[in-house]
Amino acid sequence: MKFGSISRVVTAAVLLALGGCHTLRAKSCHKVQSYMGAKNLAPLQIPPGLDTPDTTNALHIPRLNEPAPPPRTGRDPCLDEPPSYNTPKPQARPQA
């Protein structure tokens, strides 16, 4: 074997090994995200003597009165991931 082909084989083996490490880590969707700390701001305060801006077309976000989703661990799939398509094959029926 030449040195070039050996280095390609070693490089491919290292890349495959590193790619497999991704499945060992916790999912990033279970970490605290920056948007989770978002807060509503107080309404705009207009100083005396200035005109109040027109807010008739302002976006109003309704409050959600839904229960929180169940807690998830680092090994659980993220909610935005599609389900696994590895379904078991049906068992063959015995011939009578």
Protein backbone atom coordinates (compact mmCIF):
# COMPACT_ATOMS: atom_id res chain seq x y z
CA MET A 1 0.00 0.00 0.00
CA LYS A 2 1.08 3.49 -0.65
CA PHE A 3 1.20 6.20 2.00
CA GLY A 4 -1.62 8.16 0.31
CA SER A 5 -4.07 5.28 0.44
CA ILE A 6 -3.21 4.54 4.07
CA SER A 7 -3.84 8.14 5.06
CA ARG A 8 -7.20 8.05 3.28
CA VAL A 9 -8.22 4.91 5.16
CA VAL A 10 -7.11 6.40 8.49
CA THR A 11 -8.91 9.68 7.73
CA ALA A 12 -12.11 7.83 6.81
CA ALA A 13 -11.93 5.74 10.00
CA VAL A 14 -11.43 8.85 12.17
CA LEU A 15 -14.34 10.67 10.50
CA LEU A 16 -16.63 7.69 11.00
CA ALA A 17 -15.63 7.41 14.66
CA LEU A 18 -16.21 11.12 15.27
CA GLY A 19 -19.56 11.01 13.49
CA GLY A 20 -20.69 8.26 15.86
CA CYS A 21 -19.92 10.43 18.89
CA HIS A 22 -22.81 12.72 17.94
CA THR A 23 -25.32 10.13 19.09
CA LEU A 24 -23.74 9.97 22.55
CA ARG A 25 -24.37 13.62 23.38
CA ALA A 26 -27.55 15.08 24.78
CA LYS A 27 -29.85 16.77 22.30
CA SER A 28 -29.39 20.53 21.97
CA CYS A 29 -33.14 21.15 22.22
CA HIS A 30 -33.05 20.13 25.90
CA LYS A 31 -30.57 22.88 26.80
CA VAL A 32 -31.79 26.26 28.00
CA GLN A 33 -32.30 28.42 24.92
CA SER A 34 -31.89 32.20 24.81
CA TYR A 35 -35.55 32.80 23.86
CA MET A 36 -36.72 31.07 27.05
CA GLY A 37 -35.72 34.13 29.08
CA ALA A 38 -37.75 36.57 26.95
CA LYS A 39 -39.96 38.94 28.90
CA ASN A 40 -42.76 41.29 27.91
CA LEU A 41 -41.92 44.97 28.08
CA ALA A 42 -44.04 47.58 29.78
CA PRO A 43 -46.32 49.62 27.49
CA LEU A 44 -44.80 52.66 25.83
CA GLN A 45 -44.88 55.72 28.09
CA ILE A 46 -45.44 58.98 26.20
CA PRO A 47 -44.04 62.15 27.79
CA PRO A 48 -46.53 64.97 28.35
CA GLY A 49 -46.92 67.27 25.36
CA LEU A 50 -46.21 64.59 22.71
CA ASP A 51 -48.72 62.80 20.50
CA THR A 52 -49.59 59.19 21.32
CA PRO A 53 -48.70 56.84 18.42
CA ASP A 54 -51.49 55.03 16.58
CA THR A 55 -51.60 51.47 17.95
CA THR A 56 -54.80 50.29 16.27
CA ASN A 57 -52.83 47.90 14.03
CA ALA A 58 -50.44 46.75 16.76
CA LEU A 59 -49.82 43.06 17.11
CA HIS A 60 -51.54 41.61 20.15
CA ILE A 61 -50.26 38.24 21.31
CA PRO A 62 -52.84 36.29 23.33
CA ARG A 63 -51.88 34.48 26.51
CA LEU A 64 -51.58 30.72 26.27
CA ASN A 65 -53.51 28.80 28.88
CA GLU A 66 -52.10 25.41 27.94
CA PRO A 67 -50.28 23.09 30.34
CA ALA A 68 -46.52 22.85 30.04
CA PRO A 69 -45.19 19.90 28.03
CA PRO A 70 -43.95 16.91 30.03
CA PRO A 71 -40.33 17.14 31.17
CA ARG A 72 -37.83 15.56 28.82
CA THR A 73 -34.38 14.14 29.44
CA GLY A 74 -31.27 14.55 27.32
CA ARG A 75 -31.79 11.19 25.63
CA ASP A 76 -35.42 11.82 24.61
CA PRO A 77 -35.93 12.95 21.01
CA CYS A 78 -36.60 16.62 20.40
CA LEU A 79 -40.22 17.52 19.77
CA ASP A 80 -39.39 18.90 16.32
CA GLU A 81 -37.68 15.70 15.14
CA PRO A 82 -39.61 13.27 12.96
CA PRO A 83 -40.41 9.86 14.44
CA SER A 84 -38.14 6.92 13.81
CA TYR A 85 -39.02 4.94 10.71
CA ASN A 86 -37.46 1.74 12.04
CA THR A 87 -40.70 -0.17 12.51
CA PRO A 88 -40.63 -3.89 13.19
CA LYS A 89 -41.61 -6.13 10.32
CA PRO A 90 -44.84 -8.09 10.77
CA GLN A 91 -44.44 -11.69 11.86
CA ALA A 92 -45.19 -14.31 9.24
CA ARG A 93 -48.30 -16.35 10.00
CA PRO A 94 -47.73 -20.07 10.36
CA GLN A 95 -49.09 -22.10 7.47
CA ALA A 96 -51.96 -24.45 8.44
